[in-house]
């Protein structure tokens, strides 16, 4: 009797969601019992080490990981390579985390991957459940990491780009031996887990640096830059740094890339970017510096760099859903990413009357995010996302905002109701920005895209 594909898919998703999932926890100590690389290595060993079947570029950083991975992936695809990208979290479907040539894996492939993992995981669970063993079984993120690597092996990718989930040193992706390590930026995020100074956070990110493996760094602040340079020196990893070995100037949606090669500066000028914002110039420069390093492995012509960066797009990264009225969706979830978002809005839409639809996670610096954002909007609607327990209550956000500045603040308990209320009052010259968390972006993106109702006025 044939099985029901939709039932198989639901069963696979439910199996994964039944694992320990630190993405849903408010604050998990960043320690070896929770984030255990030995457990991850053992899981992969029992799957015959798929991570050793293809070259890997490993990317860490507080922000910019996703944009840099997307840009680099598009450049490599334009050069004719088959490229796997592992990213997290996903917006709407888990399959988004395992993309080959910018296409998420299919539901059928996901079911097959879960079935491949289940007997291995169940055996590890039985082994770790013994009374004398103080151990946890494989977690949700460890399983999705293993699934990504197995998927890339099945699809015979030429190269895989792995984004770190959190930190670097103890992240599940850090079991790989890459051909290149990339650190995009350092700013304050996950401070309870990674530390309360930029140097401490940089030390965790620098944990991905491997002996002798070249490092591309987009970190430009002195303190974390020094931390990364020290780690690279300790393990003999060649280091290229933004502002020293390469750079990227931004103007009118394009980057002018420069790099020093054997004592001489080379340039690739006026490379158009598919993603808006001056903050993308550094991400583009890091992607291009990485691509030029990878020319030692594959031919990557300048034309591929130009086509790749222009083709790069990411949902919920300053994503303009529509214009007149303008609706912008962004997954900004820390002060640095909020500042980048506001800079783009001010540059692109300086005369628009603004409404902010905001939700945030309890473990983020949402006070500072609001301090930055409130002066830019005439109206704010606070809500909470529903599919993750880390959300801050809307009333708590409203009270916090009222203590920062006077304003037109409302609370709505669910994202869909909040969007409905905002949409009902829209005029043609309005701007709505939905932001504050990856999770609110995930829960509302579908509704925003489907929205086609006439606006008021």
Foldseek 3Di string as FASTA:
>chain_A
DDDDLVVLLVVLVVVLVPFADCVQPQADAQDCQVLPQVLLVVLCVVVVNLLVLAAEEEEEEPDLRVLLVQLLLQLVVLLPFWEWEADDDDQADRQCRTDISNHGDDSVLSSVLSVSRVVVQVVQQVVQPDPVHPHGTDGSQSSSVSSNSVVCSVVVGNYYYYYFPAQALRTNVLVHDHLEYEYQEFDDDSCSHQHDDSLSSLLSNLNSDAAQREYEYLYDDDRSVVSNVVSCVVRVHHYDYEPPAKHWFDDDQFTWIWGADPRDIDIDPGQHACADFRVCRSSLNSSVVVVVVCCVPGPRDPVSSSSSRNPRDDPQCQDFLDAQPTETGHADAALVSLVRSVVRCCVPQVPAAEEEEEKAFQRYPVLNSLLVPVVPHQAYEYEFEDPHPRIDHRVVVVVSNVVNDDHHYHYDYYLVVSVVVVQAADGRRHYYYYYNHSRSSSVCVVVSNPDDDDGDD
